[in-house]
Amino acid sequence: MVNLSSGKAKARIEEGELISYRLNDFEYIHQKGSPGWRNSDTEMFPVIGPTAEAGFRVHVPKGNAIQDQHGLLRELDYELLSSTETTAQYVKSYKAGTVINNSKFPDKSIAQLLIWPFSFEFYKNFELSDKTLEISFRISGEKDMPFMLGYHPAFKLYTDNPVVIAEDQTISLDSVVKAGSKALEVADCQSVILRDEKELIIKTKGFGHFMLWTEVPNMICIEPITFYPYAVEQMQLHDGFDYLTDEDRNFKVTLIP
């Protein structure tokens, strides 16, 4: 467990998962064990979205890619590289062709094993100040490796009528619930505001879009994404890939109460 502190701001991280962010004793993060979702944050990588209709296979330039919904990154463990009073850095590493057990099998998936034909390192960094919490990601891997990236944090809700404000849209919680498992797309957007008992700005860099998901009134997932996966058939999921170059790719999410 890593505890970060800066003035009246505090964050708690458990094995790379943000499980609490408080400012002036107000909790912004969905609490594990509460109705809605068993986690409080995770990442979607190297694919976003379901793959069952495509036989759990995703087209890539080389080798076999067998991926369950939202990719295999979440099946890997974070290693803590460093931490200070206000920062923490984690990494997940994967070697091309390594077979990974799928934790969803057999209860929630028929895909027992997952595999990806590229090596990569995935860094997740936290930096807390007395006014913001910054979560940044760095992807280092083989040149031309295809990927999508989504960050999947869940935020605690307090009132009966919270809204998400995105550009010129005001999105009700009911609209998000009605979108169902596909999640509600918010395209071409770098920043949104969650307006509840208090306001929280979620500002991003490198992602380009959001999708919103919940099935309960006490939490909402506001997810920065590089690609909205339900825009294509699952057999065409590769249409949403970006590709690594000689340089690492960097992404950032800043929470601003």
Protein backbone atom coordinates (compact mmCIF):
# COMPACT_ATOMS: atom_id res chain seq x y z
CA MET A 1 0.00 0.00 0.00
CA VAL A 2 1.31 3.45 -0.92
CA ASN A 3 -0.12 6.55 0.74
CA LEU A 4 0.45 9.94 -0.88
CA SER A 5 -0.10 13.23 0.93
CA SER A 6 0.13 16.92 0.01
CA GLY A 7 -1.54 19.43 2.31
CA LYS A 8 -5.19 18.44 2.62
CA ALA A 9 -5.00 16.10 -0.39
CA LYS A 10 -4.45 12.38 0.09
CA ALA A 11 -4.34 9.40 -2.26
CA ARG A 12 -4.02 5.69 -1.61
CA ILE A 13 -2.69 3.17 -4.12
CA GLU A 14 -2.86 -0.59 -3.74
CA GLU A 15 -0.73 -2.64 -6.15
CA GLY A 16 -0.99 0.12 -8.75
CA GLU A 17 -4.75 0.64 -8.34
CA LEU A 18 -6.00 4.04 -7.18
CA ILE A 19 -8.36 3.15 -4.35
CA SER A 20 -8.80 6.59 -2.77
CA TYR A 21 -8.41 10.27 -3.62
CA ARG A 22 -9.54 12.70 -0.96
CA LEU A 23 -9.36 16.47 -0.68
CA ASN A 24 -10.55 18.10 2.53
CA ASP A 25 -11.80 14.64 3.56
CA PHE A 26 -14.12 14.37 0.54
CA GLU A 27 -13.75 11.04 -1.28
CA TYR A 28 -13.85 11.15 -5.09
CA ILE A 29 -13.10 7.48 -5.89
CA HIS A 30 -15.61 4.63 -5.89
CA GLN A 31 -14.90 2.37 -2.94
CA LYS A 32 -14.19 -1.29 -3.57
CA GLY A 33 -16.95 -3.42 -2.08
CA SER A 34 -19.64 -0.83 -2.85
CA PRO A 35 -22.31 -1.74 -5.44
CA GLY A 36 -21.42 -1.29 -9.09
CA TRP A 37 -17.91 -2.58 -9.74
CA ARG A 38 -15.39 -4.65 -7.81
CA ASN A 39 -12.51 -2.32 -8.73
CA SER A 40 -11.78 1.38 -8.48
CA ASP A 41 -9.49 1.81 -11.48
CA THR A 42 -7.79 -0.27 -14.16
CA GLU A 43 -6.41 0.04 -17.68
CA MET A 44 -7.64 -1.28 -21.03
CA PHE A 45 -4.65 -2.36 -23.15
CA PRO A 46 -3.62 -3.36 -25.79
CA VAL A 47 -7.26 -3.53 -26.93
CA ILE A 48 -10.47 -1.90 -25.75
CA GLY A 49 -13.84 -3.57 -25.96
CA PRO A 50 -15.18 -7.13 -26.28
CA THR A 51 -13.70 -9.78 -28.56
CA ALA A 52 -15.93 -12.84 -28.03
CA GLU A 53 -17.80 -12.43 -31.33
CA ALA A 54 -14.44 -12.56 -33.12
CA GLY A 55 -13.43 -15.75 -31.34
CA PHE A 56 -11.20 -13.72 -29.00
CA ARG A 57 -8.81 -13.12 -31.88
CA VAL A 58 -7.64 -9.68 -32.94
CA HIS A 59 -5.89 -9.05 -36.24
CA VAL A 60 -2.33 -7.76 -35.80
CA PRO A 61 0.62 -7.48 -38.22
CA LYS A 62 2.40 -10.57 -36.84
CA GLY A 63 1.67 -13.71 -34.88
CA ASN A 64 -1.44 -14.64 -32.94
CA ALA A 65 -3.26 -12.20 -30.69
CA ILE A 66 -5.79 -13.82 -28.38
CA GLN A 67 -7.40 -11.16 -26.22
CA ASP A 68 -10.43 -11.07 -23.98
CA GLN A 69 -12.42 -7.90 -23.34
CA HIS A 70 -10.19 -4.87 -22.68
CA GLY A 71 -6.94 -6.76 -23.21
CA LEU A 72 -4.46 -8.76 -21.15
CA LEU A 73 -2.72 -5.93 -19.28
CA ARG A 74 -5.06 -6.29 -16.32
CA GLU A 75 -3.93 -9.90 -15.92
CA LEU A 76 -0.37 -8.73 -15.19
CA ASP A 77 0.89 -7.51 -11.81
CA TYR A 78 2.30 -4.05 -11.23
CA GLU A 79 5.81 -3.69 -9.81
CA LEU A 80 6.43 -0.66 -7.61
CA LEU A 81 9.54 1.10 -8.93
CA SER A 82 9.68 4.07 -6.59
CA SER A 83 7.60 6.21 -4.26
CA THR A 84 7.89 9.46 -2.32
CA GLU A 85 5.46 11.41 -0.18
CA THR A 86 3.73 12.73 -3.32
CA THR A 87 4.67 10.31 -6.14
CA ALA A 88 4.57 6.62 -7.05
CA GLN A 89 5.77 4.83 -10.17
CA TYR A 90 4.73 1.34 -11.27
CA VAL A 91 5.45 -0.88 -14.27
CA LYS A 92 4.01 -3.97 -15.93
CA SER A 93 6.25 -5.91 -18.31
CA TYR A 94 5.30 -8.45 -20.94
CA LYS A 95 7.48 -10.62 -23.19
CA ALA A 96 6.16 -11.40 -26.65
CA GLY A 97 4.38 -14.74 -26.90
CA THR A 98 4.04 -15.33 -23.16
CA VAL A 99 0.85 -17.25 -22.43
CA ILE A 100 -1.26 -15.60 -19.72
CA ASN A 101 -4.09 -17.27 -17.80
CA ASN A 102 -7.40 -15.46 -18.21
CA SER A 103 -8.95 -14.79 -14.78
CA LYS A 104 -12.41 -14.61 -16.40
CA PHE A 105 -12.23 -18.29 -17.38
CA PRO A 106 -14.40 -20.29 -16.95
CA ASP A 107 -17.11 -18.27 -15.17
CA LYS A 108 -17.19 -15.24 -17.48
CA SER A 109 -15.31 -16.34 -20.58
CA ILE A 110 -14.52 -19.42 -22.63
CA ALA A 111 -11.04 -18.08 -23.46
CA GLN A 112 -8.69 -19.83 -21.05
CA LEU A 113 -5.39 -18.41 -22.29
CA LEU A 114 -4.35 -15.02 -23.69
CA ILE A 115 -1.33 -14.12 -25.81
CA TRP A 116 0.17 -11.05 -27.52
CA PRO A 117 2.97 -11.23 -30.14
CA PHE A 118 4.81 -8.07 -29.02
CA SER A 119 6.92 -7.19 -25.98
CA PHE A 120 6.15 -4.05 -24.01
CA GLU A 121 6.58 -2.19 -20.75
CA PHE A 122 3.65 -0.22 -19.37
CA TYR A 123 4.40 2.50 -16.81
CA LYS A 124 1.83 4.10 -14.54
CA ASN A 125 2.78 7.15 -12.48
CA PHE A 126 0.95 9.10 -9.80
CA GLU A 127 1.79 12.65 -8.76
CA LEU A 128 -0.21 14.37 -6.04
CA SER A 129 -0.29 18.08 -5.27
CA ASP A 130 -2.50 20.01 -2.88
CA LYS A 131 -4.78 20.84 -5.84
CA THR A 132 -4.57 17.95 -8.35
CA LEU A 133 -3.85 14.27 -8.83
CA GLU A 134 -2.05 13.41 -12.05
CA ILE A 135 -2.06 9.85 -13.41
CA SER A 136 0.28 9.40 -16.36
CA PHE A 137 1.09 6.43 -18.56
CA ARG A 138 4.11 5.61 -20.70
CA ILE A 139 4.17 2.76 -23.22
CA SER A 140 7.51 1.37 -24.31
CA GLY A 141 7.62 -1.50 -26.76
CA GLU A 142 8.47 -2.86 -30.16
CA LYS A 143 8.29 -0.46 -33.07
CA ASP A 144 5.01 -0.78 -35.01
CA MET A 145 3.28 -2.59 -32.15
CA PRO A 146 -0.47 -1.91 -32.47
CA PHE A 147 -2.35 -0.79 -29.39
CA MET A 148 -5.35 0.98 -27.93
CA LEU A 149 -5.33 2.51 -24.48
CA GLY A 150 -8.16 3.26 -22.11
CA TYR A 151 -8.05 4.35 -18.49
CA HIS A 152 -10.99 3.06 -16.45
CA PRO A 153 -11.44 4.95 -13.15
CA ALA A 154 -14.68 4.84 -11.15
CA PHE A 155 -15.94 7.86 -9.25
CA LYS A 156 -18.18 7.89 -6.21
CA LEU A 157 -21.56 9.61 -6.55
CA TYR A 158 -23.47 11.32 -3.77
CA THR A 159 -26.58 13.01 -5.20
CA ASP A 160 -29.64 11.78 -7.11
CA ASN A 161 -28.95 13.81 -10.26
CA PRO A 162 -25.24 14.00 -11.10
CA VAL A 163 -24.29 15.08 -14.61
CA VAL A 164 -21.22 14.92 -16.83
CA ILE A 165 -20.51 18.08 -18.79
CA ALA A 166 -18.56 17.52 -22.00
CA GLU A 167 -18.03 20.41 -24.42
CA ASP A 168 -21.60 21.53 -25.17
CA GLN A 169 -23.23 18.36 -23.81
CA THR A 170 -24.82 17.80 -20.41
CA ILE A 171 -25.13 14.06 -19.88
CA SER A 172 -27.41 12.66 -17.20
CA LEU A 173 -26.69 9.54 -15.17
CA ASP A 174 -29.86 8.00 -16.61
CA SER A 175 -28.45 8.39 -20.13
CA VAL A 176 -25.31 6.53 -19.11
CA VAL A 177 -27.30 3.70 -17.51
CA LYS A 178 -29.47 3.39 -20.64
CA ALA A 179 -26.38 3.04 -22.84
CA GLY A 180 -25.83 -0.31 -21.16
CA SER A 181 -22.72 -2.44 -21.47
CA LYS A 182 -21.55 -0.65 -24.62
CA ALA A 183 -20.91 2.53 -22.62
CA LEU A 184 -21.85 6.00 -23.83
CA GLU A 185 -19.41 7.55 -26.30
CA VAL A 186 -18.16 11.10 -25.82
CA ALA A 187 -16.13 11.69 -28.98
CA ASP A 188 -13.42 14.26 -29.72
CA CYS A 189 -13.16 15.50 -26.16
CA GLN A 190 -10.12 16.21 -23.96
CA SER A 191 -11.81 17.26 -20.73
CA VAL A 192 -15.09 16.67 -18.89
CA ILE A 193 -16.62 17.83 -15.62
CA LEU A 194 -18.39 15.54 -13.19
CA ARG A 195 -20.93 17.73 -11.38
CA ASP A 196 -22.26 16.07 -8.25
CA GLU A 197 -22.16 17.20 -4.61
CA LYS A 198 -18.82 18.69 -5.63
CA GLU A 199 -17.26 19.18 -9.06
CA LEU A 200 -14.37 17.22 -10.46
CA ILE A 201 -12.61 18.08 -13.71
CA ILE A 202 -11.08 15.14 -15.59
CA LYS A 203 -8.53 16.59 -18.01
CA THR A 204 -6.62 14.38 -20.45
CA LYS A 205 -3.74 14.44 -22.88
CA GLY A 206 -3.15 11.91 -25.64
CA PHE A 207 -6.45 10.01 -25.49
CA GLY A 208 -8.91 12.06 -27.56
CA HIS A 209 -12.23 10.58 -26.43
CA PHE A 210 -14.19 9.33 -23.41
CA MET A 211 -16.77 6.67 -22.75
CA LEU A 212 -19.10 6.60 -19.74
CA TRP A 213 -20.43 3.51 -17.99
CA THR A 214 -22.42 2.54 -14.93
CA GLU A 215 -25.26 0.26 -13.90
CA VAL A 216 -25.84 1.77 -10.45
CA PRO A 217 -26.64 5.23 -9.03
CA ASN A 218 -23.71 5.39 -6.60
CA MET A 219 -20.80 5.41 -9.07
CA ILE A 220 -19.81 6.30 -12.62
CA CYS A 221 -16.83 5.27 -14.74
CA ILE A 222 -15.47 8.16 -16.81
CA GLU A 223 -12.98 6.52 -19.16
CA PRO A 224 -10.47 8.32 -21.39
CA ILE A 225 -9.91 6.21 -24.52
CA THR A 226 -7.92 6.33 -27.74
CA PHE A 227 -10.70 4.52 -29.64
CA TYR A 228 -14.39 3.78 -29.07
CA PRO A 229 -14.56 0.02 -29.77
CA TYR A 230 -18.29 -0.20 -30.43
CA ALA A 231 -17.90 1.95 -33.54
CA VAL A 232 -16.87 -1.20 -35.46
CA GLU A 233 -17.75 -4.88 -35.58
CA GLN A 234 -15.54 -7.00 -33.34
CA MET A 235 -13.89 -8.63 -36.37
CA GLN A 236 -12.77 -5.13 -37.38
CA LEU A 237 -11.45 -4.06 -34.00
CA HIS A 238 -8.00 -3.63 -35.52
CA ASP A 239 -9.32 -0.53 -37.32
CA GLY A 240 -8.91 1.30 -34.01
CA PHE A 241 -5.22 0.58 -33.49
CA ASP A 242 -2.55 3.19 -33.08
CA TYR A 243 1.09 2.13 -33.49
CA LEU A 244 4.27 2.60 -31.54
CA THR A 245 7.20 4.33 -33.19
CA ASP A 246 10.84 4.63 -32.11
CA GLU A 247 9.72 6.84 -29.23
CA ASP A 248 7.68 5.92 -26.15
CA ARG A 249 4.06 7.06 -26.08
CA ASN A 250 2.83 9.21 -23.22
CA PHE A 251 -0.69 9.82 -21.90
CA LYS A 252 -1.97 11.83 -18.97
CA VAL A 253 -5.11 12.17 -16.86
CA THR A 254 -5.39 15.00 -14.35
CA LEU A 255 -8.08 15.06 -11.66
CA ILE A 256 -8.88 18.63 -10.60
CA PRO A 257 -11.37 19.09 -7.72
